[in-house]
Amino acid sequence: MIRAVLSQSPCPTAVYDTRLRLLGINDAMAGVLGLVEDRIRGLRISEIGGERAGERLEEDMYDVLVSGRGRDVETTLRTGGEGRPQAWLTRMAPLTDADGQVRGVCVAAHDFTEQTRPEVTFPAELVVSELVTNAIRYGEPPIRLRLIHDADTLICEVSDSSHTAPHLRRAKIFDEGGRGLLLVAQLTQRWGSRHTPEGKTIWAELTLLGKE
């Protein structure tokens, strides 16, 4: 049954048992992962695609096993040696035997990275622009930019040598400036600042792919 499922699927597909251990993948999934089946058979998805995002997928897979109902999950994972996460629509379906007992989970993946990339790119560009501009105008050199991302979040950090903490203010209608941090607060999930021996760092966290 497993080989039939894998051979008939046109998209990257994997089959897991009731312990959420990998039973097999098709050639399309092997290409996505950049790994051959023999190297990963018996592993959990969190051991293959990254612990944080993988554990979330495993929770969804467990729900499919218990409920016997399929579900669609949007997630981000680094695959095949990619330097940045890719967006995936993961379709999970229960595999049942002749008696209707659930014996595993079939996971089919659909890459929709390019359709969703602008949702995070534009806000991130604005946030970086505002934080760097704020540091240039009100901070002291040297100014440093650092971007940190995992499967779900992007953190933008801008550091300078000033110890003056930033603060939000409400710009008046005809003011030419004063809206930078307010814009950052509106575009991000969280933001803040921390003092360092060299000055301060202002950081802002965005959820990748526009997820709330």
Protein backbone atom coordinates (compact mmCIF):
# COMPACT_ATOMS: atom_id res chain seq x y z
CA MET A 1 0.00 0.00 0.00
CA ILE A 2 2.79 2.41 0.92
CA ARG A 3 4.62 1.99 -2.38
CA ALA A 4 1.38 2.42 -4.30
CA VAL A 5 0.63 5.69 -2.52
CA LEU A 6 4.13 7.02 -3.14
CA SER A 7 4.32 5.99 -6.79
CA GLN A 8 0.92 7.44 -7.67
CA SER A 9 1.47 10.86 -6.09
CA PRO A 10 2.75 13.54 -8.53
CA CYS A 11 3.89 15.85 -5.73
CA PRO A 12 6.51 15.38 -2.98
CA THR A 13 5.02 12.76 -0.67
CA ALA A 14 6.05 10.92 2.50
CA VAL A 15 4.37 8.21 4.57
CA TYR A 16 4.74 7.94 8.36
CA ASP A 17 3.64 5.18 10.74
CA THR A 18 1.60 5.55 13.93
CA ARG A 19 4.78 6.49 15.84
CA LEU A 20 5.33 9.27 13.30
CA ARG A 21 8.42 7.48 11.98
CA LEU A 22 9.14 7.72 8.26
CA LEU A 23 8.22 4.63 6.25
CA GLY A 24 9.02 5.95 2.79
CA ILE A 25 9.21 8.88 0.36
CA ASN A 26 8.80 9.23 -3.37
CA ASP A 27 11.42 10.60 -5.77
CA ALA A 28 9.86 14.08 -5.71
CA MET A 29 10.19 14.29 -1.92
CA ALA A 30 13.76 12.98 -2.10
CA GLY A 31 14.54 15.83 -4.49
CA VAL A 32 12.98 18.40 -2.16
CA LEU A 33 14.86 17.13 0.89
CA GLY A 34 18.11 16.51 -0.96
CA LEU A 35 18.28 13.14 0.85
CA VAL A 36 17.79 9.54 -0.21
CA GLU A 37 15.17 7.43 1.54
CA ASP A 38 17.67 5.01 3.09
CA ARG A 39 19.31 7.84 5.05
CA ILE A 40 16.13 9.09 6.71
CA ARG A 41 13.86 6.04 6.97
CA GLY A 42 12.72 5.64 10.58
CA LEU A 43 13.28 9.30 11.48
CA ARG A 44 10.63 11.74 12.67
CA ILE A 45 9.92 14.87 10.65
CA SER A 46 11.48 17.02 13.39
CA GLU A 47 14.74 15.11 12.85
CA ILE A 48 14.64 15.77 9.11
CA GLY A 49 13.29 19.27 8.52
CA GLY A 50 14.19 21.16 11.70
CA GLU A 51 13.11 20.70 15.29
CA ARG A 52 10.89 23.74 15.81
CA ALA A 53 8.76 23.56 12.68
CA GLY A 54 8.94 19.77 12.63
CA GLU A 55 7.46 19.40 16.10
CA ARG A 56 4.51 21.55 15.08
CA LEU A 57 3.91 19.36 12.06
CA GLU A 58 4.11 16.28 14.25
CA GLU A 59 1.34 17.68 16.44
CA ASP A 60 -0.84 18.04 13.35
CA MET A 61 0.08 14.54 12.18
CA TYR A 62 -0.87 13.13 15.57
CA ASP A 63 -4.25 14.84 15.33
CA VAL A 64 -4.78 13.13 11.96
CA LEU A 65 -3.95 9.76 13.51
CA VAL A 66 -6.36 10.29 16.41
CA SER A 67 -9.24 11.87 14.50
CA GLY A 68 -8.93 9.91 11.29
CA ARG A 69 -9.52 13.14 9.37
CA GLY A 70 -7.15 14.87 6.97
CA ARG A 71 -5.98 18.45 7.33
CA ASP A 72 -4.04 21.14 5.48
CA VAL A 73 -1.22 22.98 7.22
CA GLU A 74 0.83 25.95 6.03
CA THR A 75 4.39 25.92 7.27
CA THR A 76 7.94 27.03 6.48
CA LEU A 77 10.92 24.69 6.32
CA ARG A 78 14.49 24.76 5.05
CA THR A 79 14.85 21.95 2.56
CA GLY A 80 17.51 20.58 0.26
CA GLY A 81 20.22 22.85 1.68
CA GLU A 82 18.26 26.06 1.03
CA GLY A 83 19.69 29.03 2.91
CA ARG A 84 16.27 30.49 3.68
CA PRO A 85 12.95 28.88 4.58
CA GLN A 86 10.48 27.90 1.89
CA ALA A 87 6.71 28.07 2.24
CA TRP A 88 4.79 24.82 2.01
CA LEU A 89 1.16 23.77 2.00
CA THR A 90 1.30 20.38 3.68
CA ARG A 91 -1.68 18.10 3.11
CA MET A 92 -2.02 15.28 5.62
CA ALA A 93 -4.32 12.30 5.18
CA PRO A 94 -4.84 9.18 7.30
CA LEU A 95 -3.86 5.80 5.83
CA THR A 96 -6.32 3.07 6.82
CA ASP A 97 -6.31 -0.71 6.48
CA ALA A 98 -9.14 -2.94 5.23
CA ASP A 99 -10.83 -2.74 8.64
CA GLY A 100 -10.79 1.05 8.67
CA GLN A 101 -8.05 1.30 11.28
CA VAL A 102 -5.62 4.20 10.88
CA ARG A 103 -2.16 2.79 10.25
CA GLY A 104 -0.24 5.89 9.28
CA VAL A 105 -0.22 9.38 7.82
CA CYS A 106 0.42 10.42 4.23
CA VAL A 107 2.05 13.86 3.93
CA ALA A 108 2.02 15.61 0.55
CA ALA A 109 3.84 18.94 0.16
CA HIS A 110 3.10 21.82 -2.22
CA ASP A 111 5.70 24.60 -2.56
CA PHE A 112 4.10 28.06 -2.70
CA THR A 113 7.13 30.12 -1.69
CA GLU A 114 7.05 32.49 -4.65
CA GLN A 115 3.37 33.30 -4.16
CA THR A 116 3.95 34.39 -0.57
CA ARG A 117 7.43 35.92 -0.63
CA PRO A 118 6.25 39.55 -1.16
CA GLU A 119 4.16 39.40 2.01
CA VAL A 120 7.27 39.35 4.16
CA THR A 121 9.73 41.14 1.86
CA PHE A 122 7.94 44.50 1.71
CA PRO A 123 7.31 44.88 5.48
CA ALA A 124 10.87 43.73 6.24
CA GLU A 125 12.34 46.30 3.86
CA LEU A 126 10.29 49.05 5.49
CA VAL A 127 11.28 47.99 9.01
CA VAL A 128 14.99 47.82 8.15
CA SER A 129 14.79 51.21 6.41
CA GLU A 130 13.09 52.85 9.37
CA LEU A 131 15.43 51.38 12.00
CA VAL A 132 18.58 52.25 10.05
CA THR A 133 17.31 55.75 9.27
CA ASN A 134 16.45 56.27 12.93
CA ALA A 135 19.96 55.19 13.95
CA ILE A 136 21.58 57.51 11.40
CA ARG A 137 19.50 60.51 12.48
CA TYR A 138 19.49 60.05 16.24
CA GLY A 139 22.23 57.54 17.07
CA GLU A 140 26.00 57.57 16.93
CA PRO A 141 28.36 55.58 14.70
CA PRO A 142 29.25 52.86 14.13
CA ILE A 143 25.85 51.58 13.02
CA ARG A 144 25.39 47.84 12.54
CA LEU A 145 22.53 45.86 11.01
CA ARG A 146 21.88 42.19 11.81
CA LEU A 147 19.08 39.97 10.43
CA ILE A 148 18.22 36.73 12.22
CA HIS A 149 15.64 34.26 10.95
CA ASP A 150 14.35 30.77 11.62
CA ALA A 151 11.44 28.92 10.06
CA ASP A 152 8.82 31.27 11.46
CA THR A 153 10.28 34.66 12.33
CA LEU A 154 12.63 37.37 11.08
CA ILE A 155 14.34 39.60 13.66
CA CYS A 156 15.91 42.87 12.51
CA GLU A 157 18.50 44.39 14.83
CA VAL A 158 20.13 47.80 14.40
CA SER A 159 22.85 48.82 16.84
CA ASP A 160 24.61 52.15 17.39
CA SER A 161 26.86 53.75 20.01
CA SER A 162 24.26 56.02 21.61
CA HIS A 163 22.77 55.08 24.98
CA THR A 164 19.60 57.14 24.44
CA ALA A 165 16.58 54.85 24.40
CA PRO A 166 14.04 55.32 21.56
CA HIS A 167 10.43 56.22 22.27
CA LEU A 168 7.21 56.38 20.31
CA ARG A 169 5.68 59.77 19.66
CA ARG A 170 2.60 60.86 17.79
CA ALA A 171 3.54 63.04 14.85
CA LYS A 172 1.28 65.92 13.96
CA ILE A 173 -0.41 66.03 10.56
CA PHE A 174 2.12 68.35 8.92
CA ASP A 175 5.24 66.93 10.61
CA GLU A 176 7.72 65.55 8.09
CA GLY A 177 9.12 62.95 10.52
CA GLY A 178 8.39 61.24 13.79
CA ARG A 179 6.43 58.28 12.43
CA GLY A 180 9.26 55.75 12.05
CA LEU A 181 8.89 53.77 15.26
CA LEU A 182 5.11 53.94 15.06
CA LEU A 183 5.35 52.32 11.63
CA VAL A 184 7.71 49.67 13.00
CA ALA A 185 5.25 48.91 15.80
CA GLN A 186 2.41 48.51 13.31
CA LEU A 187 4.32 46.23 10.92
CA THR A 188 5.88 43.89 13.47
CA GLN A 189 4.70 41.45 16.10
CA ARG A 190 7.10 42.80 18.74
CA TRP A 191 9.81 45.41 18.99
CA GLY A 192 12.02 46.84 21.68
CA SER A 193 15.51 47.99 22.66
CA ARG A 194 18.29 46.82 24.91
CA HIS A 195 21.38 48.53 26.25
CA THR A 196 24.79 47.09 25.47
CA PRO A 197 28.30 48.02 26.66
CA GLU A 198 28.84 49.67 23.25
CA GLY A 199 25.51 51.56 23.14
CA LYS A 200 22.08 50.15 22.33
CA THR A 201 20.30 47.79 19.97
CA ILE A 202 16.78 48.30 18.61
CA TRP A 203 15.12 45.10 17.43
CA ALA A 204 11.87 44.19 15.70
CA GLU A 205 10.32 40.77 15.07
CA LEU A 206 8.23 39.90 12.02
CA THR A 207 6.33 36.69 11.37
CA LEU A 208 7.41 35.19 8.05
CA LEU A 209 4.90 34.92 5.21
CA GLY A 210 2.56 37.41 6.79
CA LYS A 211 1.26 34.98 9.42
CA GLU A 212 -0.22 36.31 12.59
